[in-house]
Amino acid sequence: MNEPMDNLLQRWASIGAGFNIEPANEEIDLERLLLDTARHTPENARLFIMAATWLHTYGDMIAKHRLKRLIHDELEAETQPILGLLLDTAQQGTYPLEFETVIKQLKPAAKPKPLFISTHRNPRLAQLAKRKASKLSERWNLWCQPIEFKHDAIRPASWIIQRHPQFRTRADFRGDLRASILAALSHDAGAGDSELKLAQLSGGSRTQVRNALANLQMTGRITTHPAAGANRREVRLLPAA
């Protein structure tokens, strides 16, 4: 039993990816799910294909500012090329390129190698992977064959949003800074302690965050109030209507 992998697949199943496993019954942190996916992708080729398909279909739901912050603060350097290949694969055929701003901060692996562990351990399979590697995977120095998106193995948006109503707002905001602010308030400890802390955790500048908060407060999604400290204001999520 591989508990980390099972937990990862359960989270993906909870947001509509076609894995034959009981879905997780929890609120899903999409951005940290992507970091964990990059960490475990070399163990499971289907995980890579299903994650790329989901992102190709529902990439608007990813909070890009926060994802960039999490990559910088939490993702190991050796794992970053795997996430780069995943996002680059997912954005193929989209316009504008969905994850281009995120990908700019990621670099290829230092040395070319197969993406998947099972291939890496076998010299003959490693050579085969090198010969059949896609141009995209070569760009990231992580050899793997071209994939086909498995759209028929992904649940429709209505199913996903019924299970995770907060994703509707993510989709409405198309991954902009407001989505990152709401995600940080939901998943990052201390994010609402001040505008400065929220800016750090959501990945925006303090001015950008203040402007976004004005919109979120106007639309009844957050509330702010004075707190101890010079010019400090706390920020709290309001329950969804």
C-alpha atoms as a PDB file:
ATOM      1  CA  MET A   1       0.000   0.000   0.000  1.00  0.00           C
ATOM      2  CA  ASN A   2       1.382   3.386  -1.050  1.00  0.00           C
ATOM      3  CA  GLU A   3      -0.421   5.816   1.253  1.00  0.00           C
ATOM      4  CA  PRO A   4       1.017   9.070  -0.197  1.00  0.00           C
ATOM      5  CA  MET A   5       0.090   7.989  -3.737  1.00  0.00           C
ATOM      6  CA  ASP A   6      -3.355   6.761  -2.667  1.00  0.00           C
ATOM      7  CA  ASN A   7      -4.050  10.071  -0.916  1.00  0.00           C
ATOM      8  CA  LEU A   8      -2.922  11.967  -4.004  1.00  0.00           C
ATOM      9  CA  LEU A   9      -5.172   9.941  -6.318  1.00  0.00           C
ATOM     10  CA  GLN A  10      -8.098  10.350  -3.898  1.00  0.00           C
ATOM     11  CA  ARG A  11      -7.699  14.124  -4.088  1.00  0.00           C
ATOM     12  CA  TRP A  12      -7.623  14.015  -7.880  1.00  0.00           C
ATOM     13  CA  ALA A  13     -10.690  11.755  -7.906  1.00  0.00           C
ATOM     14  CA  SER A  14     -12.462  14.279  -5.684  1.00  0.00           C
ATOM     15  CA  ILE A  15     -12.075  16.954  -8.367  1.00  0.00           C
ATOM     16  CA  GLY A  16     -13.194  14.737 -11.222  1.00  0.00           C
ATOM     17  CA  ALA A  17     -10.141  12.850 -12.478  1.00  0.00           C
ATOM     18  CA  GLY A  18     -10.835   9.271 -13.513  1.00  0.00           C
ATOM     19  CA  PHE A  19      -9.055   7.121 -10.958  1.00  0.00           C
ATOM     20  CA  ASN A  20     -10.607   3.923  -9.630  1.00  0.00           C
ATOM     21  CA  ILE A  21     -10.363   4.985  -5.993  1.00  0.00           C
ATOM     22  CA  GLU A  22     -12.654   6.476  -3.352  1.00  0.00           C
ATOM     23  CA  PRO A  23     -12.593  10.300  -3.672  1.00  0.00           C
ATOM     24  CA  ALA A  24     -11.200  12.310  -0.789  1.00  0.00           C
ATOM     25  CA  ASN A  25     -13.857  13.932   1.360  1.00  0.00           C
ATOM     26  CA  GLU A  26     -12.089  17.230   2.054  1.00  0.00           C
ATOM     27  CA  GLU A  27     -11.599  20.702   0.657  1.00  0.00           C
ATOM     28  CA  ILE A  28      -8.901  20.507  -1.998  1.00  0.00           C
ATOM     29  CA  ASP A  29      -5.976  22.924  -2.125  1.00  0.00           C
ATOM     30  CA  LEU A  30      -5.477  22.899  -5.894  1.00  0.00           C
ATOM     31  CA  GLU A  31      -2.098  24.609  -5.939  1.00  0.00           C
ATOM     32  CA  ARG A  32      -0.521  22.293  -3.357  1.00  0.00           C
ATOM     33  CA  LEU A  33      -2.131  19.375  -5.189  1.00  0.00           C
ATOM     34  CA  LEU A  34      -0.035  20.340  -8.220  1.00  0.00           C
ATOM     35  CA  LEU A  35       3.143  20.438  -6.143  1.00  0.00           C
ATOM     36  CA  ASP A  36       2.419  16.969  -4.733  1.00  0.00           C
ATOM     37  CA  THR A  37       1.610  15.721  -8.225  1.00  0.00           C
ATOM     38  CA  ALA A  38       4.990  16.865  -9.521  1.00  0.00           C
ATOM     39  CA  ARG A  39       6.686  15.068  -6.623  1.00  0.00           C
ATOM     40  CA  HIS A  40       4.963  11.758  -7.415  1.00  0.00           C
ATOM     41  CA  THR A  41       4.652  11.915 -11.215  1.00  0.00           C
ATOM     42  CA  PRO A  42       7.799   9.797 -11.824  1.00  0.00           C
ATOM     43  CA  GLU A  43       6.042   6.924 -10.034  1.00  0.00           C
ATOM     44  CA  ASN A  44       2.864   6.898 -12.124  1.00  0.00           C
ATOM     45  CA  ALA A  45       2.442   7.641 -15.844  1.00  0.00           C
ATOM     46  CA  ARG A  46      -1.362   7.707 -15.614  1.00  0.00           C
ATOM     47  CA  LEU A  47      -1.140  10.407 -12.937  1.00  0.00           C
ATOM     48  CA  PHE A  48       0.789  12.594 -15.385  1.00  0.00           C
ATOM     49  CA  ILE A  49      -1.738  12.037 -18.183  1.00  0.00           C
ATOM     50  CA  MET A  50      -4.813  12.620 -16.020  1.00  0.00           C
ATOM     51  CA  ALA A  51      -3.365  15.702 -14.323  1.00  0.00           C
ATOM     52  CA  ALA A  52      -2.389  17.194 -17.699  1.00  0.00           C
ATOM     53  CA  THR A  53      -5.883  16.488 -19.066  1.00  0.00           C
ATOM     54  CA  TRP A  54      -7.588  18.071 -16.055  1.00  0.00           C
ATOM     55  CA  LEU A  55      -5.365  21.143 -16.257  1.00  0.00           C
ATOM     56  CA  HIS A  56      -5.936  21.449 -20.007  1.00  0.00           C
ATOM     57  CA  THR A  57      -9.680  21.456 -19.351  1.00  0.00           C
ATOM     58  CA  TYR A  58      -9.939  23.388 -16.086  1.00  0.00           C
ATOM     59  CA  GLY A  59      -6.737  25.422 -15.915  1.00  0.00           C
ATOM     60  CA  ASP A  60      -8.776  28.574 -15.280  1.00  0.00           C
ATOM     61  CA  MET A  61      -9.378  27.287 -11.756  1.00  0.00           C
ATOM     62  CA  ILE A  62      -5.691  27.419 -10.796  1.00  0.00           C
ATOM     63  CA  ALA A  63      -4.674  30.505  -8.791  1.00  0.00           C
ATOM     64  CA  LYS A  64      -1.525  31.446 -10.705  1.00  0.00           C
ATOM     65  CA  HIS A  65      -0.095  34.091  -8.355  1.00  0.00           C
ATOM     66  CA  ARG A  66      -0.290  31.736  -5.391  1.00  0.00           C
ATOM     67  CA  LEU A  67       1.071  28.820  -7.408  1.00  0.00           C
ATOM     68  CA  LYS A  68       4.158  30.863  -8.292  1.00  0.00           C
ATOM     69  CA  ARG A  69       4.636  31.749  -4.623  1.00  0.00           C
ATOM     70  CA  LEU A  70       4.313  28.111  -3.546  1.00  0.00           C
ATOM     71  CA  ILE A  71       6.804  26.983  -6.189  1.00  0.00           C
ATOM     72  CA  HIS A  72       9.325  29.499  -4.881  1.00  0.00           C
ATOM     73  CA  ASP A  73       8.747  28.729  -1.197  1.00  0.00           C
ATOM     74  CA  GLU A  74       7.838  25.039  -1.052  1.00  0.00           C
ATOM     75  CA  LEU A  75       8.790  23.057  -4.163  1.00  0.00           C
ATOM     76  CA  GLU A  76      12.153  21.326  -4.249  1.00  0.00           C
ATOM     77  CA  ALA A  77      14.480  22.480  -7.029  1.00  0.00           C
ATOM     78  CA  GLU A  78      14.797  18.973  -8.491  1.00  0.00           C
ATOM     79  CA  THR A  79      11.006  18.665  -8.754  1.00  0.00           C
ATOM     80  CA  GLN A  80      10.407  21.985 -10.486  1.00  0.00           C
ATOM     81  CA  PRO A  81      11.250  20.701 -14.012  1.00  0.00           C
ATOM     82  CA  ILE A  82       8.585  17.985 -13.603  1.00  0.00           C
ATOM     83  CA  LEU A  83       5.969  20.597 -12.778  1.00  0.00           C
ATOM     84  CA  GLY A  84       7.214  22.642 -15.724  1.00  0.00           C
ATOM     85  CA  LEU A  85       6.716  19.728 -18.102  1.00  0.00           C
ATOM     86  CA  LEU A  86       3.268  19.007 -16.651  1.00  0.00           C
ATOM     87  CA  LEU A  87       2.073  22.605 -17.033  1.00  0.00           C
ATOM     88  CA  ASP A  88       3.667  22.953 -20.470  1.00  0.00           C
ATOM     89  CA  THR A  89       1.964  19.758 -21.624  1.00  0.00           C
ATOM     90  CA  ALA A  90      -1.388  20.886 -20.214  1.00  0.00           C
ATOM     91  CA  GLN A  91      -1.307  24.266 -21.973  1.00  0.00           C
ATOM     92  CA  GLN A  92      -0.696  22.825 -25.442  1.00  0.00           C
ATOM     93  CA  GLY A  93      -3.544  23.862 -27.725  1.00  0.00           C
ATOM     94  CA  THR A  94      -4.708  26.720 -25.469  1.00  0.00           C
ATOM     95  CA  TYR A  95      -4.618  30.396 -26.365  1.00  0.00           C
ATOM     96  CA  PRO A  96      -3.325  32.369 -24.695  1.00  0.00           C
ATOM     97  CA  LEU A  97      -0.992  29.825 -23.124  1.00  0.00           C
ATOM     98  CA  GLU A  98      -2.628  29.091 -19.778  1.00  0.00           C
ATOM     99  CA  PHE A  99       0.452  28.684 -17.568  1.00  0.00           C
ATOM    100  CA  GLU A 100       3.047  30.751 -19.406  1.00  0.00           C
ATOM    101  CA  THR A 101       3.641  33.166 -16.517  1.00  0.00           C
ATOM    102  CA  VAL A 102       4.194  30.249 -14.126  1.00  0.00           C
ATOM    103  CA  ILE A 103       6.451  28.321 -16.498  1.00  0.00           C
ATOM    104  CA  LYS A 104       8.775  31.316 -16.888  1.00  0.00           C
ATOM    105  CA  GLN A 105      10.111  30.743 -13.373  1.00  0.00           C
ATOM    106  CA  LEU A 106      10.838  27.027 -13.986  1.00  0.00           C
ATOM    107  CA  LYS A 107      13.946  25.555 -15.603  1.00  0.00           C
ATOM    108  CA  PRO A 108      14.679  22.209 -17.316  1.00  0.00           C
ATOM    109  CA  ALA A 109      16.364  19.387 -15.432  1.00  0.00           C
ATOM    110  CA  ALA A 110      20.128  19.799 -15.166  1.00  0.00           C
ATOM    111  CA  LYS A 111      20.774  16.559 -17.085  1.00  0.00           C
ATOM    112  CA  PRO A 112      18.567  14.702 -19.593  1.00  0.00           C
ATOM    113  CA  LYS A 113      16.869  11.598 -18.164  1.00  0.00           C
ATOM    114  CA  PRO A 114      13.636   9.608 -18.427  1.00  0.00           C
ATOM    115  CA  LEU A 115      10.657  11.113 -16.634  1.00  0.00           C
ATOM    116  CA  PHE A 116       9.428   7.855 -15.110  1.00  0.00           C
ATOM    117  CA  ILE A 117      11.354   5.830 -12.519  1.00  0.00           C
ATOM    118  CA  SER A 118      10.467   2.478 -14.071  1.00  0.00           C
ATOM    119  CA  THR A 119      12.142   3.561 -17.293  1.00  0.00           C
ATOM    120  CA  HIS A 120      15.122   5.144 -15.584  1.00  0.00           C
ATOM    121  CA  ARG A 121      16.024   1.907 -13.805  1.00  0.00           C
ATOM    122  CA  ASN A 122      16.246  -0.113 -17.018  1.00  0.00           C
ATOM    123  CA  PRO A 123      19.035   0.952 -19.462  1.00  0.00           C
ATOM    124  CA  ARG A 124      17.230  -0.539 -22.467  1.00  0.00           C
ATOM    125  CA  LEU A 125      13.974   1.234 -21.605  1.00  0.00           C
ATOM    126  CA  ALA A 126      15.889   4.433 -20.906  1.00  0.00           C
ATOM    127  CA  GLN A 127      17.350   4.379 -24.417  1.00  0.00           C
ATOM    128  CA  LEU A 128      13.919   3.686 -25.855  1.00  0.00           C
ATOM    129  CA  ALA A 129      12.489   6.614 -23.905  1.00  0.00           C
ATOM    130  CA  LYS A 130      15.225   8.834 -25.307  1.00  0.00           C
ATOM    131  CA  ARG A 131      14.483   7.777 -28.909  1.00  0.00           C
ATOM    132  CA  LYS A 132      10.720   8.252 -28.557  1.00  0.00           C
ATOM    133  CA  ALA A 133      10.772  11.379 -26.402  1.00  0.00           C
ATOM    134  CA  SER A 134       8.500  14.214 -27.475  1.00  0.00           C
ATOM    135  CA  LYS A 135      10.027  17.556 -28.442  1.00  0.00           C
ATOM    136  CA  LEU A 136       8.255  19.057 -25.442  1.00  0.00           C
ATOM    137  CA  SER A 137       9.776  16.570 -22.999  1.00  0.00           C
ATOM    138  CA  GLU A 138      13.211  17.082 -24.542  1.00  0.00           C
ATOM    139  CA  ARG A 139      12.843  20.783 -23.822  1.00  0.00           C
ATOM    140  CA  TRP A 140      12.560  19.944 -20.130  1.00  0.00           C
ATOM    141  CA  ASN A 141      15.272  17.238 -20.216  1.00  0.00           C
ATOM    142  CA  LEU A 142      12.678  14.694 -19.039  1.00  0.00           C
ATOM    143  CA  TRP A 143      12.110  12.091 -21.730  1.00  0.00           C
ATOM    144  CA  CYS A 144       8.606  10.768 -22.234  1.00  0.00           C
ATOM    145  CA  GLN A 145       6.475   9.959 -25.231  1.00  0.00           C
ATOM    146  CA  PRO A 146       3.769  12.355 -26.452  1.00  0.00           C
ATOM    147  CA  ILE A 147       0.501  11.943 -24.574  1.00  0.00           C
ATOM    148  CA  GLU A 148      -3.121  12.131 -25.664  1.00  0.00           C
ATOM    149  CA  PHE A 149      -5.506  13.964 -23.359  1.00  0.00           C
ATOM    150  CA  LYS A 150      -8.133  11.654 -21.842  1.00  0.00           C
ATOM    151  CA  HIS A 151     -11.125  13.995 -21.901  1.00  0.00           C
ATOM    152  CA  ASP A 152     -13.591  11.142 -21.546  1.00  0.00           C
ATOM    153  CA  ALA A 153     -12.026  10.271 -18.175  1.00  0.00           C
ATOM    154  CA  ILE A 154     -12.674  13.717 -16.641  1.00  0.00           C
ATOM    155  CA  ARG A 155     -15.918  14.642 -14.910  1.00  0.00           C
ATOM    156  CA  PRO A 156     -17.911  17.640 -16.220  1.00  0.00           C
ATOM    157  CA  ALA A 157     -17.610  21.016 -14.540  1.00  0.00           C
ATOM    158  CA  SER A 158     -21.115  20.726 -13.063  1.00  0.00           C
ATOM    159  CA  TRP A 159     -20.072  17.593 -11.126  1.00  0.00           C
ATOM    160  CA  ILE A 160     -16.887  19.207  -9.838  1.00  0.00           C
ATOM    161  CA  ILE A 161     -18.565  22.445  -8.741  1.00  0.00           C
ATOM    162  CA  GLN A 162     -21.403  20.586  -7.038  1.00  0.00           C
ATOM    163  CA  ARG A 163     -18.785  18.759  -4.973  1.00  0.00           C
ATOM    164  CA  HIS A 164     -16.575  21.843  -4.476  1.00  0.00           C
ATOM    165  CA  PRO A 165     -18.792  24.970  -4.695  1.00  0.00           C
ATOM    166  CA  GLN A 166     -15.817  27.271  -4.033  1.00  0.00           C
ATOM    167  CA  PHE A 167     -14.414  26.281  -7.426  1.00  0.00           C
ATOM    168  CA  ARG A 168     -17.161  28.297  -9.121  1.00  0.00           C
ATOM    169  CA  THR A 169     -15.530  31.506  -7.900  1.00  0.00           C
ATOM    170  CA  ARG A 170     -12.122  30.263  -9.047  1.00  0.00           C
ATOM    171  CA  ALA A 171     -13.552  29.670 -12.515  1.00  0.00           C
ATOM    172  CA  ASP A 172     -15.293  33.061 -12.557  1.00  0.00           C
ATOM    173  CA  PHE A 173     -12.019  34.800 -11.648  1.00  0.00           C
ATOM    174  CA  ARG A 174     -10.059  32.720 -14.207  1.00  0.00           C
ATOM    175  CA  GLY A 175      -7.148  32.272 -11.812  1.00  0.00           C
ATOM    176  CA  ASP A 176      -6.445  35.967 -11.236  1.00  0.00           C
ATOM    177  CA  LEU A 177      -5.129  37.499  -7.998  1.00  0.00           C
ATOM    178  CA  ARG A 178      -8.565  37.406  -6.356  1.00  0.00           C
ATOM    179  CA  ALA A 179      -8.509  33.608  -6.681  1.00  0.00           C
ATOM    180  CA  SER A 180      -5.057  33.533  -5.058  1.00  0.00           C
ATOM    181  CA  ILE A 181      -6.257  35.708  -2.179  1.00  0.00           C
ATOM    182  CA  LEU A 182      -9.246  33.465  -1.484  1.00  0.00           C
ATOM    183  CA  ALA A 183      -7.072  30.343  -1.732  1.00  0.00           C
ATOM    184  CA  ALA A 184      -4.502  31.801   0.666  1.00  0.00           C
ATOM    185  CA  LEU A 185      -7.213  32.725   3.170  1.00  0.00           C
ATOM    186  CA  SER A 186      -8.602  29.189   2.918  1.00  0.00           C
ATOM    187  CA  HIS A 187      -5.364  27.204   3.077  1.00  0.00           C
ATOM    188  CA  ASP A 188      -2.439  29.275   4.391  1.00  0.00           C
ATOM    189  CA  ALA A 189      -2.146  29.776   8.156  1.00  0.00           C
ATOM    190  CA  GLY A 190      -2.047  33.428   9.167  1.00  0.00           C
ATOM    191  CA  ALA A 191      -2.899  34.729   5.701  1.00  0.00           C
ATOM    192  CA  GLY A 192      -5.620  37.015   7.035  1.00  0.00           C
ATOM    193  CA  ASP A 193      -3.560  38.512   9.862  1.00  0.00           C
ATOM    194  CA  SER A 194      -2.683  41.566   7.784  1.00  0.00           C
ATOM    195  CA  GLU A 195      -2.695  42.880   4.232  1.00  0.00           C
ATOM    196  CA  LEU A 196       1.090  42.524   4.182  1.00  0.00           C
ATOM    197  CA  LYS A 197       0.941  38.852   5.215  1.00  0.00           C
ATOM    198  CA  LEU A 198      -1.823  38.214   2.698  1.00  0.00           C
ATOM    199  CA  ALA A 199       0.246  39.808  -0.072  1.00  0.00           C
ATOM    200  CA  GLN A 200       3.199  37.576   0.810  1.00  0.00           C
ATOM    201  CA  LEU A 201       1.127  34.374   0.791  1.00  0.00           C
ATOM    202  CA  SER A 202      -1.077  35.134  -2.204  1.00  0.00           C
ATOM    203  CA  GLY A 203       1.818  36.197  -4.431  1.00  0.00           C
ATOM    204  CA  GLY A 204       0.731  39.758  -5.193  1.00  0.00           C
ATOM    205  CA  SER A 205       2.102  43.172  -4.265  1.00  0.00           C
ATOM    206  CA  ARG A 206       0.497  45.002  -1.356  1.00  0.00           C
ATOM    207  CA  THR A 207      -1.083  47.536  -3.725  1.00  0.00           C
ATOM    208  CA  GLN A 208      -2.442  44.779  -5.992  1.00  0.00           C
ATOM    209  CA  VAL A 209      -3.850  42.924  -2.995  1.00  0.00           C
ATOM    210  CA  ARG A 210      -5.472  46.054  -1.559  1.00  0.00           C
ATOM    211  CA  ASN A 211      -7.213  46.712  -4.878  1.00  0.00           C
ATOM    212  CA  ALA A 212      -8.355  43.099  -5.146  1.00  0.00           C
ATOM    213  CA  LEU A 213      -9.637  43.159  -1.557  1.00  0.00           C
ATOM    214  CA  ALA A 214     -11.800  46.177  -2.366  1.00  0.00           C
ATOM    215  CA  ASN A 215     -13.529  44.142  -5.076  1.00  0.00           C
ATOM    216  CA  LEU A 216     -13.860  41.050  -2.858  1.00  0.00           C
ATOM    217  CA  GLN A 217     -15.337  43.102  -0.045  1.00  0.00           C
ATOM    218  CA  MET A 218     -17.749  44.869  -2.383  1.00  0.00           C
ATOM    219  CA  THR A 219     -19.024  41.510  -3.662  1.00  0.00           C
ATOM    220  CA  GLY A 220     -19.443  40.108  -0.157  1.00  0.00           C
ATOM    221  CA  ARG A 221     -16.673  37.518  -0.207  1.00  0.00           C
ATOM    222  CA  ILE A 222     -14.421  38.918   2.539  1.00  0.00           C
ATOM    223  CA  THR A 223     -14.546  41.340   5.424  1.00  0.00           C
ATOM    224  CA  THR A 224     -11.764  43.499   6.873  1.00  0.00           C
ATOM    225  CA  HIS A 225     -11.429  45.226  10.235  1.00  0.00           C
ATOM    226  CA  PRO A 226      -8.760  47.137  12.165  1.00  0.00           C
ATOM    227  CA  ALA A 227      -6.319  45.092  14.249  1.00  0.00           C
ATOM    228  CA  ALA A 228      -3.592  45.858  16.759  1.00  0.00           C
ATOM    229  CA  GLY A 229      -0.582  47.452  15.122  1.00  0.00           C
ATOM    230  CA  ALA A 230       0.053  50.491  12.978  1.00  0.00           C
ATOM    231  CA  ASN A 231      -2.380  50.628  10.055  1.00  0.00           C
ATOM    232  CA  ARG A 232      -2.936  46.855  10.271  1.00  0.00           C
ATOM    233  CA  ARG A 233      -6.176  45.326   9.059  1.00  0.00           C
ATOM    234  CA  GLU A 234      -7.239  41.704   9.400  1.00  0.00           C
ATOM    235  CA  VAL A 235      -8.989  39.969   6.529  1.00  0.00           C
ATOM    236  CA  ARG A 236     -11.530  37.173   6.905  1.00  0.00           C
ATOM    237  CA  LEU A 237     -13.499  35.043   4.468  1.00  0.00           C
ATOM    238  CA  LEU A 238     -17.281  35.363   4.563  1.00  0.00           C
ATOM    239  CA  PRO A 239     -19.442  32.252   4.152  1.00  0.00           C
ATOM    240  CA  ALA A 240     -20.579  31.676   0.578  1.00  0.00           C
ATOM    241  CA  ALA A 241     -24.094  32.943  -0.071  1.00  0.00           C
END
